[in-house]
């Protein structure tokens, strides 16, 4: 019974051909892992770049609009009367412009 104790997946191939095939398959899996990892890393950095650029442009746009709002040269001309008593608001004389 001791010969069935170990799984056949844990043992190394005994023949030279089996060892070469195992090496080639392992190398292919390793190369595919590196390629997939590089692709995912590039996609992640691209996503971060696009989000960062979008936020930068959005903040620039808001700052530009705020600066334009402060440079508005229009003047509001109005007349007003100070009411001493808020209950006496009806007695204030309204003058049309």
C-alpha atoms as a PDB file:
ATOM      1  CA  UNK A   1       0.000   0.000   0.000  1.00  0.00           C
ATOM      2  CA  UNK A   2       2.927   2.384   0.447  1.00  0.00           C
ATOM      3  CA  UNK A   3       3.257   2.787  -3.313  1.00  0.00           C
ATOM      4  CA  UNK A   4      -0.170   4.537  -3.477  1.00  0.00           C
ATOM      5  CA  UNK A   5       0.505   6.965  -0.631  1.00  0.00           C
ATOM      6  CA  UNK A   6       1.831   9.801  -2.823  1.00  0.00           C
ATOM      7  CA  UNK A   7      -0.031  11.537  -5.604  1.00  0.00           C
ATOM      8  CA  UNK A   8       1.368  11.228  -9.086  1.00  0.00           C
ATOM      9  CA  UNK A   9       1.178  15.064  -9.444  1.00  0.00           C
ATOM     10  CA  UNK A  10       3.897  15.559  -6.828  1.00  0.00           C
ATOM     11  CA  UNK A  11       6.441  13.292  -8.428  1.00  0.00           C
ATOM     12  CA  UNK A  12       8.908  14.468 -11.057  1.00  0.00           C
ATOM     13  CA  UNK A  13       8.895  12.879 -14.488  1.00  0.00           C
ATOM     14  CA  UNK A  14      11.387  10.065 -14.596  1.00  0.00           C
ATOM     15  CA  UNK A  15      12.305  10.177 -18.255  1.00  0.00           C
ATOM     16  CA  UNK A  16      14.379  12.861 -19.945  1.00  0.00           C
ATOM     17  CA  UNK A  17      11.541  13.542 -22.414  1.00  0.00           C
ATOM     18  CA  UNK A  18       9.087  14.063 -19.528  1.00  0.00           C
ATOM     19  CA  UNK A  19      11.483  16.444 -17.806  1.00  0.00           C
ATOM     20  CA  UNK A  20      11.913  18.471 -21.003  1.00  0.00           C
ATOM     21  CA  UNK A  21       8.139  18.683 -21.528  1.00  0.00           C
ATOM     22  CA  UNK A  22       7.626  19.735 -17.880  1.00  0.00           C
ATOM     23  CA  UNK A  23      10.329  22.398 -18.231  1.00  0.00           C
ATOM     24  CA  UNK A  24       8.819  23.764 -21.465  1.00  0.00           C
ATOM     25  CA  UNK A  25       5.291  23.842 -20.006  1.00  0.00           C
ATOM     26  CA  UNK A  26       6.571  25.533 -16.836  1.00  0.00           C
ATOM     27  CA  UNK A  27       8.480  28.091 -18.889  1.00  0.00           C
ATOM     28  CA  UNK A  28       5.380  28.809 -21.003  1.00  0.00           C
ATOM     29  CA  UNK A  29       3.234  29.300 -17.888  1.00  0.00           C
ATOM     30  CA  UNK A  30       5.876  31.603 -16.403  1.00  0.00           C
ATOM     31  CA  UNK A  31       6.105  33.659 -19.616  1.00  0.00           C
ATOM     32  CA  UNK A  32       2.312  33.914 -19.873  1.00  0.00           C
ATOM     33  CA  UNK A  33       2.181  35.086 -16.248  1.00  0.00           C
ATOM     34  CA  UNK A  34       4.739  37.807 -16.922  1.00  0.00           C
ATOM     35  CA  UNK A  35       2.916  38.982 -20.049  1.00  0.00           C
ATOM     36  CA  UNK A  36      -0.452  39.048 -18.290  1.00  0.00           C
ATOM     37  CA  UNK A  37       1.047  40.858 -15.298  1.00  0.00           C
ATOM     38  CA  UNK A  38       2.702  43.451 -17.531  1.00  0.00           C
ATOM     39  CA  UNK A  39      -0.565  43.994 -19.409  1.00  0.00           C
ATOM     40  CA  UNK A  40      -2.561  44.439 -16.196  1.00  0.00           C
ATOM     41  CA  UNK A  41       0.065  46.783 -14.758  1.00  0.00           C
ATOM     42  CA  UNK A  42       0.056  48.883 -17.943  1.00  0.00           C
ATOM     43  CA  UNK A  43      -3.756  48.997 -17.907  1.00  0.00           C
ATOM     44  CA  UNK A  44      -3.753  50.092 -14.260  1.00  0.00           C
ATOM     45  CA  UNK A  45      -1.199  52.848 -14.902  1.00  0.00           C
ATOM     46  CA  UNK A  46      -3.159  53.969 -17.966  1.00  0.00           C
ATOM     47  CA  UNK A  47      -6.354  54.161 -15.909  1.00  0.00           C
ATOM     48  CA  UNK A  48      -4.600  56.171 -13.188  1.00  0.00           C
ATOM     49  CA  UNK A  49      -3.166  58.497 -15.850  1.00  0.00           C
ATOM     50  CA  UNK A  50      -6.568  59.107 -17.461  1.00  0.00           C
ATOM     51  CA  UNK A  51      -8.274  59.726 -14.105  1.00  0.00           C
ATOM     52  CA  UNK A  52      -5.489  62.048 -12.971  1.00  0.00           C
ATOM     53  CA  UNK A  53      -5.601  64.008 -16.222  1.00  0.00           C
ATOM     54  CA  UNK A  54      -9.398  64.276 -16.028  1.00  0.00           C
ATOM     55  CA  UNK A  55      -9.311  65.592 -12.459  1.00  0.00           C
ATOM     56  CA  UNK A  56      -6.529  68.043 -13.339  1.00  0.00           C
ATOM     57  CA  UNK A  57      -8.496  69.419 -16.303  1.00  0.00           C
ATOM     58  CA  UNK A  58     -11.673  69.641 -14.218  1.00  0.00           C
ATOM     59  CA  UNK A  59      -9.917  71.622 -11.466  1.00  0.00           C
ATOM     60  CA  UNK A  60      -8.289  73.884 -14.082  1.00  0.00           C
ATOM     61  CA  UNK A  61     -11.694  74.515 -15.679  1.00  0.00           C
ATOM     62  CA  UNK A  62     -13.273  75.407 -12.320  1.00  0.00           C
ATOM     63  CA  UNK A  63     -10.400  77.769 -11.462  1.00  0.00           C
ATOM     64  CA  UNK A  64     -10.675  79.432 -14.863  1.00  0.00           C
ATOM     65  CA  UNK A  65     -14.413  79.989 -14.477  1.00  0.00           C
ATOM     66  CA  UNK A  66     -13.961  81.326 -10.942  1.00  0.00           C
ATOM     67  CA  UNK A  67     -11.288  83.754 -12.165  1.00  0.00           C
ATOM     68  CA  UNK A  68     -13.596  84.929 -14.960  1.00  0.00           C
ATOM     69  CA  UNK A  69     -16.387  85.544 -12.448  1.00  0.00           C
ATOM     70  CA  UNK A  70     -14.143  87.815 -10.363  1.00  0.00           C
ATOM     71  CA  UNK A  71     -13.091  89.850 -13.411  1.00  0.00           C
ATOM     72  CA  UNK A  72     -16.674  90.842 -14.188  1.00  0.00           C
ATOM     73  CA  UNK A  73     -16.712  94.654 -14.490  1.00  0.00           C
ATOM     74  CA  UNK A  74     -20.480  95.110 -14.314  1.00  0.00           C
ATOM     75  CA  UNK A  75     -21.706  97.460 -11.570  1.00  0.00           C
ATOM     76  CA  UNK A  76     -24.973  97.129  -9.758  1.00  0.00           C
ATOM     77  CA  UNK A  77     -26.491 100.570  -9.253  1.00  0.00           C
ATOM     78  CA  UNK A  78     -29.361 100.756  -6.789  1.00  0.00           C
ATOM     79  CA  UNK A  79     -31.035 103.044  -4.295  1.00  0.00           C
ATOM     80  CA  UNK A  80     -32.041 101.918  -0.873  1.00  0.00           C
ATOM     81  CA  UNK A  81     -33.631 103.235   2.296  1.00  0.00           C
ATOM     82  CA  UNK A  82     -32.733 102.056   5.778  1.00  0.00           C
ATOM     83  CA  UNK A  83     -35.834 101.176   7.783  1.00  0.00           C
ATOM     84  CA  UNK A  84     -35.406 101.728  11.500  1.00  0.00           C
ATOM     85  CA  UNK A  85     -38.458  99.683  12.498  1.00  0.00           C
ATOM     86  CA  UNK A  86     -39.223  96.441  10.557  1.00  0.00           C
ATOM     87  CA  UNK A  87     -42.936  96.786  11.402  1.00  0.00           C
ATOM     88  CA  UNK A  88     -42.926 100.190   9.773  1.00  0.00           C
ATOM     89  CA  UNK A  89     -42.044  98.767   6.339  1.00  0.00           C
ATOM     90  CA  UNK A  90     -45.306 100.009   4.782  1.00  0.00           C
ATOM     91  CA  UNK A  91     -44.437 103.614   5.524  1.00  0.00           C
ATOM     92  CA  UNK A  92     -41.271 103.501   3.411  1.00  0.00           C
ATOM     93  CA  UNK A  93     -41.702 105.517   0.270  1.00  0.00           C
ATOM     94  CA  UNK A  94     -40.993 103.446  -2.856  1.00  0.00           C
ATOM     95  CA  UNK A  95     -39.573 105.394  -5.758  1.00  0.00           C
ATOM     96  CA  UNK A  96     -39.550 103.824  -9.248  1.00  0.00           C
ATOM     97  CA  UNK A  97     -36.318 104.118 -11.182  1.00  0.00           C
END
